[in-house]
Amino acid sequence: MLKKIIPFFFIGFFMVFFIWRWPFSFTPDRLKKIDLAVDLSLQGIALKQGRDGHITWELMAKKGTYSEETKEFFLDEPKITYYFGQDRKKLNVLAPQGKVNQQKDQAELWPQVTAFYQDLRVKAERVEYRGRSRKIFLQGKVELVKRDMRISAESAVIDLDKETIEATGGVKTVVFRQEAKTEEIMRR
């Protein structure tokens, strides 16, 4: 008889132990230690932003996360296409990482950012887009290469509405006269 009761005794003991411990394993203090900053994790992200019936930019990213608290997407391998001018010209900007806040119409990309517009190639360590002013701010080892010219600077600003680029801080310009050198520079 005792041999039949012992297994039930152990089962009952373990059930009481687990029921007794269960409420303490997820106390509010323990829940605070769990990182709940990411509200959504996504694969294959596509976003668009528009103004006055026209798309101002569209974004594609390999993957990312969304934070409800900051209202920002944190992105891996983002590519943003900015549209400007009457004929809807395209400026493509690529980077390993970035973040976008659609409510504020702002984006930041980093490191080793590359942008392309027709035969112009732009490189920078960090790029910030501010939609209200329609300006793109480039920072850190900025390099602009077009046909037979290379411009390097500490920073630059692309004004999409005025269709201008202004380089500042230690600006250096090199002009090449030979076609072979131009091809070599464009490959870099």
Protein backbone atom coordinates (compact mmCIF):
# COMPACT_ATOMS: atom_id res chain seq x y z
CA MET A 1 0.00 0.00 0.00
CA LEU A 2 2.80 2.42 0.90
CA LYS A 3 4.53 1.70 -2.43
CA LYS A 4 1.36 2.79 -4.23
CA ILE A 5 1.08 6.05 -2.26
CA ILE A 6 4.73 7.22 -2.59
CA PRO A 7 4.51 8.07 -6.35
CA PHE A 8 1.32 10.07 -5.72
CA PHE A 9 3.01 11.81 -2.83
CA PHE A 10 5.95 12.91 -5.07
CA ILE A 11 3.60 14.00 -7.85
CA GLY A 12 1.54 16.01 -5.37
CA PHE A 13 4.70 17.53 -3.85
CA PHE A 14 6.00 18.67 -7.28
CA MET A 15 2.60 20.06 -8.26
CA VAL A 16 2.39 22.08 -5.05
CA PHE A 17 6.00 23.27 -5.54
CA PHE A 18 5.39 24.43 -9.13
CA ILE A 19 2.10 26.10 -8.26
CA TRP A 20 3.79 27.84 -5.34
CA ARG A 21 6.77 29.03 -7.50
CA TRP A 22 4.80 29.96 -10.66
CA PRO A 23 3.50 33.38 -9.53
CA PHE A 24 7.00 34.43 -8.50
CA SER A 25 8.69 33.55 -11.76
CA PHE A 26 6.98 36.41 -13.68
CA THR A 27 6.81 39.19 -11.13
CA PRO A 28 6.66 42.80 -12.37
CA ASP A 29 10.35 43.24 -11.46
CA ARG A 30 11.34 40.29 -13.67
CA LEU A 31 9.15 41.55 -16.52
CA LYS A 32 10.92 44.93 -16.41
CA LYS A 33 14.21 43.16 -17.15
CA ILE A 34 12.85 41.71 -20.40
CA ASP A 35 13.66 44.00 -23.36
CA LEU A 36 10.36 44.89 -25.00
CA ALA A 37 11.69 47.81 -27.13
CA VAL A 38 11.00 46.11 -30.47
CA ASP A 39 7.31 46.01 -31.28
CA LEU A 40 7.54 44.41 -34.70
CA SER A 41 10.20 42.56 -36.70
CA LEU A 42 9.82 42.52 -40.48
CA GLN A 43 11.33 40.95 -43.60
CA GLY A 44 11.22 42.68 -46.99
CA ILE A 45 10.15 46.21 -45.99
CA ALA A 46 8.67 48.65 -48.55
CA LEU A 47 7.62 52.19 -47.57
CA LYS A 48 6.49 55.22 -49.59
CA GLN A 49 6.14 58.87 -48.65
CA GLY A 50 4.28 61.48 -50.70
CA ARG A 51 3.31 65.10 -50.84
CA ASP A 52 0.89 67.03 -53.06
CA GLY A 53 -0.15 63.88 -54.92
CA HIS A 54 3.43 62.84 -55.80
CA ILE A 55 5.71 60.24 -54.25
CA THR A 56 8.68 62.06 -52.67
CA TRP A 57 10.57 58.91 -51.73
CA GLU A 58 10.24 55.17 -51.55
CA LEU A 59 12.24 52.71 -49.51
CA MET A 60 13.10 49.03 -49.81
CA ALA A 61 14.97 47.16 -47.06
CA LYS A 62 16.00 43.56 -46.58
CA LYS A 63 14.69 43.46 -43.02
CA GLY A 64 14.11 45.64 -40.00
CA THR A 65 12.27 46.33 -36.80
CA TYR A 66 9.66 48.90 -35.80
CA SER A 67 9.51 50.67 -32.46
CA GLU A 68 6.06 51.91 -31.45
CA GLU A 69 7.65 54.14 -28.81
CA THR A 70 9.86 56.12 -31.23
CA LYS A 71 7.70 55.50 -34.34
CA GLU A 72 10.86 54.51 -36.23
CA PHE A 73 11.85 51.68 -38.51
CA PHE A 74 15.40 50.39 -37.93
CA LEU A 75 16.60 48.88 -41.19
CA ASP A 76 19.16 46.47 -42.62
CA GLU A 77 20.37 47.18 -46.16
CA PRO A 78 17.99 50.05 -46.95
CA LYS A 79 17.72 51.59 -50.43
CA ILE A 80 15.86 54.88 -50.67
CA THR A 81 14.88 56.48 -53.98
CA TYR A 82 14.23 60.23 -53.73
CA TYR A 83 12.16 61.86 -56.49
CA PHE A 84 12.66 65.50 -57.46
CA GLY A 85 12.10 68.02 -60.23
CA GLN A 86 9.22 68.37 -62.67
CA ASP A 87 10.35 65.29 -64.62
CA ARG A 88 10.61 63.15 -61.43
CA LYS A 89 14.36 62.53 -61.48
CA LYS A 90 15.65 59.76 -59.17
CA LEU A 91 18.45 59.83 -56.60
CA ASN A 92 19.15 56.33 -55.22
CA VAL A 93 20.79 56.05 -51.79
CA LEU A 94 22.05 52.73 -50.33
CA ALA A 95 23.61 51.83 -46.97
CA PRO A 96 24.17 48.85 -44.67
CA GLN A 97 21.91 50.31 -41.94
CA GLY A 98 19.40 53.05 -41.40
CA LYS A 99 16.30 54.32 -39.67
CA VAL A 100 13.18 56.06 -40.93
CA ASN A 101 10.46 58.05 -39.19
CA GLN A 102 7.57 58.48 -41.63
CA GLN A 103 5.59 60.79 -39.33
CA LYS A 104 8.49 63.27 -39.23
CA ASP A 105 9.48 62.52 -42.87
CA GLN A 106 13.08 61.86 -41.81
CA ALA A 107 15.64 59.19 -42.59
CA GLU A 108 19.20 58.43 -41.51
CA LEU A 109 21.55 55.98 -43.24
CA TRP A 110 25.00 54.80 -42.16
CA PRO A 111 27.90 53.72 -42.54
CA GLN A 112 29.50 53.79 -45.98
CA VAL A 113 26.53 55.32 -47.75
CA THR A 114 26.52 55.44 -51.55
CA ALA A 115 24.19 57.52 -53.72
CA PHE A 116 23.69 57.52 -57.49
CA TYR A 117 22.16 60.09 -59.82
CA GLN A 118 22.76 59.62 -63.56
CA ASP A 119 26.58 59.65 -63.86
CA LEU A 120 27.16 61.17 -60.40
CA ARG A 121 28.27 58.89 -57.57
CA VAL A 122 28.34 60.19 -53.98
CA LYS A 123 29.88 58.51 -50.92
CA ALA A 124 29.61 59.50 -47.26
CA GLU A 125 29.81 57.93 -43.81
CA ARG A 126 26.36 59.15 -42.78
CA VAL A 127 23.36 60.65 -44.59
CA GLU A 128 20.34 62.37 -43.06
CA TYR A 129 17.19 63.31 -45.00
CA ARG A 130 14.82 66.00 -43.70
CA GLY A 131 11.58 65.95 -45.61
CA ARG A 132 10.26 69.34 -44.54
CA SER A 133 13.21 71.11 -46.17
CA ARG A 134 13.69 68.39 -48.86
CA LYS A 135 17.42 68.37 -48.08
CA ILE A 136 19.88 65.50 -47.74
CA PHE A 137 22.81 66.11 -45.39
CA LEU A 138 25.99 64.12 -46.05
CA GLN A 139 28.65 63.83 -43.33
CA GLY A 140 32.07 62.25 -42.99
CA LYS A 141 34.49 61.67 -45.88
CA VAL A 142 32.09 62.95 -48.52
CA GLU A 143 33.17 62.20 -52.07
CA LEU A 144 31.39 63.25 -55.27
CA VAL A 145 32.58 61.75 -58.56
CA LYS A 146 31.22 62.76 -61.96
CA ARG A 147 32.80 62.07 -65.34
CA ASP A 148 36.19 63.76 -65.14
CA MET A 149 35.91 65.37 -61.70
CA ARG A 150 36.21 64.34 -58.07
CA ILE A 151 35.22 66.54 -55.12
CA SER A 152 36.00 65.58 -51.52
CA ALA A 153 34.76 67.40 -48.42
CA GLU A 154 33.87 66.94 -44.77
CA SER A 155 30.16 67.48 -45.47
CA ALA A 156 27.70 68.38 -48.21
CA VAL A 157 24.02 69.25 -48.62
CA ILE A 158 21.81 68.16 -51.50
CA ASP A 159 18.79 70.43 -51.95
CA LEU A 160 16.24 68.39 -53.89
CA ASP A 161 13.94 71.35 -54.61
CA LYS A 162 16.72 73.61 -55.93
CA GLU A 163 18.58 70.64 -57.48
CA THR A 164 21.91 71.79 -56.01
CA ILE A 165 24.81 70.27 -54.07
CA GLU A 166 26.90 72.37 -51.71
CA ALA A 167 30.13 70.88 -50.28
CA THR A 168 31.72 72.42 -47.15
CA GLY A 169 34.74 71.86 -44.93
CA GLY A 170 38.13 71.06 -46.47
CA VAL A 171 36.78 70.95 -50.02
CA LYS A 172 39.22 69.58 -52.61
CA THR A 173 38.49 69.32 -56.31
CA VAL A 174 40.41 67.27 -58.86
CA VAL A 175 39.65 67.54 -62.57
CA PHE A 176 40.88 64.82 -64.94
CA ARG A 177 41.56 65.50 -68.60
CA GLN A 178 42.18 61.98 -69.82
CA GLU A 179 39.27 59.62 -70.48
CA ALA A 180 41.20 56.62 -69.08
CA LYS A 181 41.61 58.29 -65.70
CA THR A 182 37.90 59.10 -65.57
CA GLU A 183 36.97 55.45 -66.05
CA GLU A 184 39.40 54.45 -63.30
CA ILE A 185 37.92 56.98 -60.85
CA MET A 186 34.32 55.91 -61.60
CA ARG A 187 35.18 52.26 -60.77
CA ARG A 188 36.38 53.11 -57.26
